């Protein structure tokens, strides 16, 4: 949930700057939005996990595998930049900041979905 709030905060800040020029009122609304996100974070994470599980159970090979393939690609870029490039003295691959954020969300989503899947299986057994 923290990566999601981290991504939404600048966006919310930009929108609130345009809508509410008064900094006190803007800060109050921003705090209320953050509190609401935190309050509903469990449901947001459950929904995200449901999406990942639905993709994993999809009929199409691409539907089931696009997310893992993307994570493998990001893993390669990280390995290339911090292992391969220094050892073999080759140029690093450019990794813009927004891709790092996407990587963090992807890994976080995988962890949440695996945790939810294991939790559901444990709950069903009991």
Protein backbone atom coordinates (compact mmCIF):
# COMPACT_ATOMS: atom_id res chain seq x y z
CA UNK A 1 0.00 0.00 0.00
CA UNK A 2 2.86 2.38 0.77
CA UNK A 3 4.07 2.39 -2.86
CA UNK A 4 0.56 3.23 -4.02
CA UNK A 5 0.29 6.14 -1.59
CA UNK A 6 3.77 7.25 -2.64
CA UNK A 7 2.68 7.31 -6.27
CA UNK A 8 -0.66 8.97 -5.61
CA UNK A 9 0.65 11.67 -3.26
CA UNK A 10 2.40 13.80 -5.93
CA UNK A 11 -0.57 13.41 -8.27
CA UNK A 12 -3.02 14.38 -5.53
CA UNK A 13 -0.77 17.27 -4.55
CA UNK A 14 -0.74 18.60 -8.11
CA UNK A 15 -4.52 18.34 -8.44
CA UNK A 16 -5.08 19.89 -5.02
CA UNK A 17 -2.71 22.77 -5.86
CA UNK A 18 -4.95 23.62 -8.81
CA UNK A 19 -8.25 23.14 -7.00
CA UNK A 20 -7.37 24.45 -3.53
CA UNK A 21 -4.87 27.31 -3.55
CA UNK A 22 -5.22 27.71 0.25
CA UNK A 23 -2.37 25.60 1.69
CA UNK A 24 -4.12 24.94 5.01
CA UNK A 25 -7.25 23.62 3.33
CA UNK A 26 -5.18 21.67 0.78
CA UNK A 27 -3.10 20.02 3.52
CA UNK A 28 -6.29 19.10 5.38
CA UNK A 29 -7.85 17.50 2.27
CA UNK A 30 -4.60 15.71 1.42
CA UNK A 31 -4.42 14.28 4.94
CA UNK A 32 -8.04 13.14 4.73
CA UNK A 33 -7.38 11.43 1.38
CA UNK A 34 -4.30 9.67 2.74
CA UNK A 35 -6.25 8.54 5.80
CA UNK A 36 -9.05 7.21 3.59
CA UNK A 37 -6.57 5.31 1.44
CA UNK A 38 -5.01 3.79 4.54
CA UNK A 39 -8.41 2.97 5.98
CA UNK A 40 -9.35 1.08 2.82
CA UNK A 41 -5.88 -0.31 2.13
CA UNK A 42 -6.86 -3.89 2.99
CA UNK A 43 -9.67 -3.87 0.44
CA UNK A 44 -7.45 -2.19 -2.16
CA UNK A 45 -4.81 -4.87 -1.64
CA UNK A 46 -7.43 -7.63 -1.80
CA UNK A 47 -8.71 -6.22 -5.08
CA UNK A 48 -5.19 -6.02 -6.49
CA UNK A 49 -4.57 -9.62 -5.45
CA UNK A 50 -7.85 -10.69 -7.07
CA UNK A 51 -6.74 -9.10 -10.34
CA UNK A 52 -3.42 -10.94 -10.25
CA UNK A 53 -5.12 -14.26 -9.39
CA UNK A 54 -7.66 -13.75 -12.21
CA UNK A 55 -4.80 -13.08 -14.64
CA UNK A 56 -2.95 -16.17 -13.44
CA UNK A 57 -6.05 -18.29 -14.07
CA UNK A 58 -6.78 -16.71 -17.46
CA UNK A 59 -7.19 -18.71 -20.64
CA UNK A 60 -4.55 -16.85 -22.66
CA UNK A 61 -0.86 -17.67 -22.22
CA UNK A 62 -0.04 -13.96 -22.51
CA UNK A 63 -2.68 -13.02 -19.93
CA UNK A 64 -1.16 -15.49 -17.45
CA UNK A 65 2.45 -14.55 -18.08
CA UNK A 66 2.79 -10.86 -18.99
CA UNK A 67 3.38 -9.75 -15.41
CA UNK A 68 6.06 -12.37 -14.62
CA UNK A 69 7.75 -11.65 -17.98
CA UNK A 70 7.86 -7.95 -17.18
CA UNK A 71 9.39 -8.65 -13.78
CA UNK A 72 12.03 -10.89 -15.41
CA UNK A 73 12.84 -8.07 -17.84
CA UNK A 74 13.22 -5.60 -14.97
CA UNK A 75 15.33 -8.15 -13.11
CA UNK A 76 17.59 -8.45 -16.14
CA UNK A 77 17.97 -4.67 -16.40
CA UNK A 78 18.93 -4.47 -12.72
CA UNK A 79 21.38 -7.38 -13.10
CA UNK A 80 22.79 -5.83 -16.26
CA UNK A 81 23.32 -2.42 -14.65
CA UNK A 82 24.80 -3.61 -11.38
CA UNK A 83 26.50 -6.93 -12.24
CA UNK A 84 27.10 -7.38 -15.98
CA UNK A 85 27.98 -3.78 -16.94
CA UNK A 86 30.64 -3.31 -14.22
CA UNK A 87 32.23 -6.72 -14.83
CA UNK A 88 32.34 -6.49 -18.64
CA UNK A 89 32.68 -2.70 -18.85
CA UNK A 90 29.63 -2.29 -21.09
CA UNK A 91 27.17 0.64 -21.05
CA UNK A 92 24.34 0.53 -18.53
CA UNK A 93 20.71 0.37 -19.62
CA UNK A 94 18.75 3.52 -18.84
CA UNK A 95 16.17 2.94 -16.11
CA UNK A 96 13.97 6.03 -15.62
CA UNK A 97 12.60 6.69 -12.14
CA UNK A 98 9.03 5.80 -13.11
CA UNK A 99 10.20 2.31 -14.13
CA UNK A 100 11.76 1.85 -10.68
CA UNK A 101 8.39 2.76 -9.19
CA UNK A 102 6.67 0.28 -11.49
CA UNK A 103 9.17 -2.39 -10.43
CA UNK A 104 8.46 -1.70 -6.75
CA UNK A 105 4.72 -1.91 -7.34
CA UNK A 106 5.10 -5.08 -9.40
CA UNK A 107 7.18 -6.81 -6.77
CA UNK A 108 4.84 -5.55 -4.04
CA UNK A 109 1.82 -6.78 -5.99
CA UNK A 110 3.41 -10.18 -6.40
CA UNK A 111 4.15 -10.40 -2.69
CA UNK A 112 0.61 -9.30 -1.79
CA UNK A 113 -0.97 -11.72 -4.25
CA UNK A 114 1.16 -14.66 -3.06
CA UNK A 115 0.40 -13.77 0.56
CA UNK A 116 -3.31 -13.52 -0.20
CA UNK A 117 -3.24 -16.82 -2.09
CA UNK A 118 -1.50 -18.60 0.79
CA UNK A 119 -3.82 -16.97 3.32
CA UNK A 120 -6.90 -18.05 1.38
CA UNK A 121 -5.59 -21.61 1.09
CA UNK A 122 -4.88 -21.70 4.84
CA UNK A 123 -8.32 -20.25 5.59
CA UNK A 124 -10.00 -22.89 3.37
CA UNK A 125 -8.16 -25.68 5.18
CA UNK A 126 -9.45 -24.45 8.54
